[in-house]
Amino acid sequence: MQHGGSVLAPDAELAVHYARELFGRRQESVRLWIVRRADVHDLADPDLLDPPLDRSFKKPGGYVMRDKLAAARERSGRPKSSAGERRAAPRSSPDGSQ
């Protein structure tokens, strides 16, 4: 949502017509909200707009598993395997020979 402008009208009905004429005539708007100027409140308090808790895990880039896997591989000393390479355990035959 983006503020597009304001109109000054003597009543609500004319405000709707003015807004439609000024902001809707070129099909630039998807939705028009017409409210009295007295009903618009500015919320500029930084304490209300800044959340107190870290919620970065809710953002798409906040929890990157790739970095954690790379760090775990580095700690274990195992190299990164390529996508097409699969590790298979050696199979032994029923009589114990390979």
Protein backbone atom coordinates (compact mmCIF):
# COMPACT_ATOMS: atom_id res chain seq x y z
CA MET A 1 0.00 0.00 0.00
CA GLN A 2 1.34 3.42 -0.89
CA HIS A 3 -0.05 6.85 -0.15
CA GLY A 4 -1.05 8.47 -3.41
CA GLY A 5 -2.29 11.84 -2.22
CA SER A 6 -5.17 13.60 -0.58
CA VAL A 7 -8.29 15.48 -1.58
CA LEU A 8 -10.18 18.27 0.15
CA ALA A 9 -13.95 17.83 -0.06
CA PRO A 10 -16.94 19.23 1.83
CA ASP A 11 -18.46 15.78 2.46
CA ALA A 12 -17.74 12.04 2.16
CA GLU A 13 -19.68 11.58 -1.09
CA LEU A 14 -17.72 14.26 -2.90
CA ALA A 15 -14.48 12.93 -1.42
CA VAL A 16 -15.18 9.59 -3.11
CA HIS A 17 -15.84 11.29 -6.46
CA TYR A 18 -12.76 13.52 -6.17
CA ALA A 19 -10.54 10.57 -5.24
CA ARG A 20 -11.88 8.47 -8.10
CA GLU A 21 -11.28 11.31 -10.55
CA LEU A 22 -7.78 12.20 -9.31
CA PHE A 23 -6.33 8.77 -8.56
CA GLY A 24 -8.42 6.23 -10.48
CA ARG A 25 -8.91 7.69 -13.92
CA ARG A 26 -5.72 6.23 -15.47
CA GLN A 27 -6.15 2.81 -13.85
CA GLU A 28 -3.01 3.43 -11.77
CA SER A 29 -4.76 2.43 -8.56
CA VAL A 30 -5.89 -0.97 -7.42
CA ARG A 31 -7.78 0.22 -4.36
CA LEU A 32 -8.70 3.63 -2.95
CA TRP A 33 -9.13 4.28 0.75
CA ILE A 34 -11.02 7.42 1.63
CA VAL A 35 -10.75 8.45 5.29
CA ARG A 36 -11.14 11.70 7.17
CA ARG A 37 -7.88 13.48 7.84
CA ALA A 38 -8.69 13.42 11.58
CA ASP A 39 -8.82 9.60 11.47
CA VAL A 40 -5.28 9.21 10.11
CA HIS A 41 -2.73 8.64 12.88
CA ASP A 42 1.02 8.78 12.50
CA LEU A 43 2.79 5.97 14.36
CA ALA A 44 6.40 7.08 14.68
CA ASP A 45 7.32 5.58 18.08
CA PRO A 46 10.43 3.43 17.43
CA ASP A 47 9.66 1.19 20.42
CA LEU A 48 6.38 0.10 18.83
CA LEU A 49 7.85 -0.41 15.36
CA ASP A 50 11.01 -2.30 16.39
CA PRO A 51 10.25 -5.80 17.72
CA PRO A 52 12.06 -6.64 20.99
CA LEU A 53 12.79 -10.25 20.05
CA ASP A 54 15.01 -11.61 17.31
CA ARG A 55 12.68 -13.23 14.80
CA SER A 56 15.14 -13.60 11.96
CA PHE A 57 14.18 -17.28 11.67
CA LYS A 58 10.85 -16.15 10.19
CA LYS A 59 12.55 -14.35 7.31
CA PRO A 60 13.50 -16.39 4.23
CA GLY A 61 17.22 -15.63 4.59
CA GLY A 62 17.28 -15.71 8.39
CA TYR A 63 18.08 -19.38 8.82
CA VAL A 64 20.58 -20.67 6.29
CA MET A 65 21.13 -24.39 6.67
CA ARG A 66 23.91 -24.44 4.06
CA ASP A 67 26.27 -22.46 6.30
CA LYS A 68 25.58 -24.65 9.31
CA LEU A 69 26.17 -27.83 7.28
CA ALA A 70 29.46 -26.46 5.94
CA ALA A 71 30.62 -25.62 9.47
CA ALA A 72 29.68 -29.10 10.72
CA ARG A 73 31.56 -30.73 7.81
CA GLU A 74 34.60 -28.62 8.54
CA ARG A 75 34.55 -29.63 12.21
CA SER A 76 34.25 -33.31 11.31
CA GLY A 77 37.04 -33.15 8.74
CA ARG A 78 34.89 -34.69 5.99
CA PRO A 79 35.06 -33.12 2.54
CA LYS A 80 31.89 -32.04 0.77
CA SER A 81 30.64 -34.78 -1.52
CA SER A 82 29.52 -33.83 -5.01
CA ALA A 83 25.83 -34.05 -5.91
CA GLY A 84 26.23 -37.02 -8.24
CA GLU A 85 28.57 -38.95 -5.98
CA ARG A 86 27.03 -41.37 -3.53
CA ARG A 87 28.82 -43.27 -0.86
CA ALA A 88 27.96 -46.91 -0.68
CA ALA A 89 29.09 -49.22 2.08
CA PRO A 90 30.96 -52.26 0.79
CA ARG A 91 28.71 -55.26 0.66
CA SER A 92 29.79 -58.59 1.92
CA SER A 93 28.48 -61.85 0.62
CA PRO A 94 26.66 -64.27 2.89
CA ASP A 95 29.76 -66.44 3.24
CA GLY A 96 31.81 -63.48 4.52
CA SER A 97 33.88 -62.80 1.41
CA GLN A 98 33.69 -59.56 -0.46
